[in-house]
């Protein structure tokens, strides 16, 4: 009986797995297919440089993996690509997502807090909860400011 490899824990490990599973034998092949420089792609895959959400979306689409899996390690890793909106909906516990950019601000803020406090990536469930809280606060602030405009 063969042991299966443990699931990739970091975003860069998931990126490498997605590339290999998509049939790209080398990072150079993937970079060429993605039309990015080899150095840019390899720094993303080896973890020496983080990559933005829009870049992750491109990688997820090209490699046929779920965006939530690539960014957070959630879902199967081999489903159809999720959009930022779908990721927002899945992480948002039923709060209506009306603003992708507002969600992405919350995501980036949570990521910055995580890196500042932990100097790295923490448990994904905790991260998702943090994004939820920040997003809900931002959404409430936006609704409040819209209510203030309506009252005028």
Protein backbone atom coordinates (compact mmCIF):
# COMPACT_ATOMS: atom_id res chain seq x y z
CA UNK A 1 0.00 0.00 0.00
CA UNK A 2 1.50 3.36 -0.99
CA UNK A 3 1.36 6.38 1.23
CA UNK A 4 -0.22 9.41 -0.33
CA UNK A 5 1.58 12.72 -0.10
CA UNK A 6 0.29 15.15 2.51
CA UNK A 7 -1.81 17.98 1.10
CA UNK A 8 0.13 21.13 0.23
CA UNK A 9 0.09 23.49 3.20
CA UNK A 10 1.24 26.76 1.69
CA UNK A 11 0.00 28.81 -1.22
CA UNK A 12 3.27 28.28 -3.09
CA UNK A 13 3.07 24.49 -2.55
CA UNK A 14 -0.50 24.52 -3.89
CA UNK A 15 0.63 26.55 -6.90
CA UNK A 16 3.33 23.99 -7.68
CA UNK A 17 0.88 21.09 -7.27
CA UNK A 18 -1.65 22.84 -9.52
CA UNK A 19 1.02 23.39 -12.18
CA UNK A 20 2.18 19.78 -12.11
CA UNK A 21 -1.38 18.41 -12.05
CA UNK A 22 -2.20 20.62 -15.04
CA UNK A 23 0.58 18.91 -16.99
CA UNK A 24 3.32 21.53 -16.90
CA UNK A 25 6.52 19.65 -16.11
CA UNK A 26 8.51 22.75 -15.28
CA UNK A 27 7.95 26.21 -13.92
CA UNK A 28 9.46 27.53 -17.16
CA UNK A 29 6.77 25.78 -19.23
CA UNK A 30 4.05 27.24 -17.02
CA UNK A 31 5.55 30.73 -17.17
CA UNK A 32 5.63 30.57 -20.97
CA UNK A 33 1.99 29.40 -21.11
CA UNK A 34 0.99 32.17 -18.69
CA UNK A 35 3.01 34.75 -20.65
CA UNK A 36 4.92 35.89 -17.56
CA UNK A 37 8.62 35.94 -16.93
CA UNK A 38 10.19 32.77 -15.59
CA UNK A 39 11.65 34.66 -12.64
CA UNK A 40 8.25 36.09 -11.68
CA UNK A 41 6.54 32.72 -11.81
CA UNK A 42 9.32 30.84 -10.01
CA UNK A 43 9.40 33.38 -7.16
CA UNK A 44 5.66 32.81 -6.72
CA UNK A 45 6.02 29.04 -6.82
CA UNK A 46 9.02 28.86 -4.50
CA UNK A 47 7.42 31.26 -2.03
CA UNK A 48 10.10 33.92 -2.10
CA UNK A 49 7.50 36.41 -3.35
CA UNK A 50 3.76 36.49 -2.68
CA UNK A 51 1.27 36.99 -5.47
CA UNK A 52 -1.86 39.16 -5.66
CA UNK A 53 -5.41 37.85 -5.88
CA UNK A 54 -5.77 38.80 -9.55
CA UNK A 55 -2.62 36.82 -10.34
CA UNK A 56 -3.97 33.89 -8.32
CA UNK A 57 -7.17 34.07 -10.40
CA UNK A 58 -5.09 33.79 -13.59
CA UNK A 59 -3.16 30.82 -12.19
CA UNK A 60 -6.34 29.11 -11.00
CA UNK A 61 -7.96 29.49 -14.42
CA UNK A 62 -4.88 28.31 -16.32
CA UNK A 63 -4.27 25.31 -14.07
CA UNK A 64 -7.98 24.40 -13.68
CA UNK A 65 -8.12 24.66 -9.90
CA UNK A 66 -10.42 26.40 -7.51
CA UNK A 67 -9.33 29.90 -6.49
CA UNK A 68 -10.28 29.29 -2.85
CA UNK A 69 -8.11 26.19 -2.81
CA UNK A 70 -5.16 28.01 -4.36
CA UNK A 71 -5.37 30.97 -1.98
CA UNK A 72 -6.60 29.31 1.19
CA UNK A 73 -6.28 25.55 0.84
CA UNK A 74 -10.05 25.07 0.92
CA UNK A 75 -12.14 22.91 -1.43
CA UNK A 76 -10.86 19.99 -3.47
CA UNK A 77 -8.27 21.74 -5.57
CA UNK A 78 -9.59 20.24 -8.77
CA UNK A 79 -12.94 21.90 -9.32
CA UNK A 80 -13.85 24.58 -11.76
CA UNK A 81 -12.19 27.91 -11.07
CA UNK A 82 -13.97 30.10 -8.55
CA UNK A 83 -14.28 33.80 -9.08
CA UNK A 84 -13.43 36.36 -6.43
CA UNK A 85 -17.20 36.77 -5.93
CA UNK A 86 -17.66 33.04 -5.32
CA UNK A 87 -14.73 33.07 -2.91
CA UNK A 88 -16.26 36.03 -1.13
CA UNK A 89 -19.61 34.25 -0.89
CA UNK A 90 -18.06 31.05 0.42
CA UNK A 91 -16.11 32.87 3.12
CA UNK A 92 -18.85 35.23 4.12
CA UNK A 93 -21.27 33.02 6.07
CA UNK A 94 -24.44 34.28 4.45
CA UNK A 95 -23.77 38.02 4.50
CA UNK A 96 -24.76 39.24 1.05
CA UNK A 97 -21.76 40.15 -1.02
CA UNK A 98 -22.56 43.21 -3.04
CA UNK A 99 -19.09 44.55 -3.48
CA UNK A 100 -16.15 42.51 -4.71
CA UNK A 101 -13.73 45.35 -4.06
CA UNK A 102 -14.97 45.73 -0.48
CA UNK A 103 -14.41 42.03 0.09
CA UNK A 104 -10.96 42.19 -1.46
CA UNK A 105 -10.09 45.11 0.84
CA UNK A 106 -11.12 42.92 3.78
CA UNK A 107 -9.12 40.00 2.42
CA UNK A 108 -5.98 42.14 1.98
CA UNK A 109 -6.40 43.72 5.41
CA UNK A 110 -6.75 40.27 7.02
CA UNK A 111 -3.71 39.02 5.13
CA UNK A 112 -1.68 42.02 6.31
CA UNK A 113 -2.78 41.49 9.92
CA UNK A 114 -1.95 37.79 9.70
CA UNK A 115 1.55 38.50 8.40
CA UNK A 116 2.11 41.25 10.96
CA UNK A 117 1.02 39.11 13.90
CA UNK A 118 2.20 35.66 12.85
CA UNK A 119 4.98 36.49 10.41
CA UNK A 120 3.40 33.94 8.13
CA UNK A 121 0.24 32.04 7.37
CA UNK A 122 -2.00 30.87 10.19
CA UNK A 123 -4.93 28.43 10.31
CA UNK A 124 -7.22 28.94 7.33
CA UNK A 125 -10.42 28.80 9.36
CA UNK A 126 -9.16 31.59 11.60
CA UNK A 127 -8.18 33.60 8.53
CA UNK A 128 -11.61 33.09 6.97
CA UNK A 129 -13.28 34.24 10.19
CA UNK A 130 -11.06 37.31 10.29
CA UNK A 131 -11.99 38.15 6.68
CA UNK A 132 -15.67 37.69 7.61
CA UNK A 133 -15.42 40.11 10.53
CA UNK A 134 -13.51 42.75 8.58
CA UNK A 135 -15.82 42.43 5.59
CA UNK A 136 -18.93 42.71 7.78
CA UNK A 137 -17.51 45.84 9.41
CA UNK A 138 -16.70 47.39 6.03
CA UNK A 139 -20.14 46.48 4.69
CA UNK A 140 -21.83 48.01 7.78
CA UNK A 141 -19.75 51.19 7.38
CA UNK A 142 -20.74 51.43 3.73
CA UNK A 143 -24.42 50.88 4.49
CA UNK A 144 -24.25 53.46 7.26
CA UNK A 145 -22.68 56.04 4.95
CA UNK A 146 -25.34 55.31 2.31
CA UNK A 147 -28.08 55.73 4.95
CA UNK A 148 -26.55 59.08 5.93
CA UNK A 149 -26.67 60.21 2.29
CA UNK A 150 -30.31 59.11 2.01
CA UNK A 151 -31.21 61.07 5.14
CA UNK A 152 -29.88 64.29 3.63
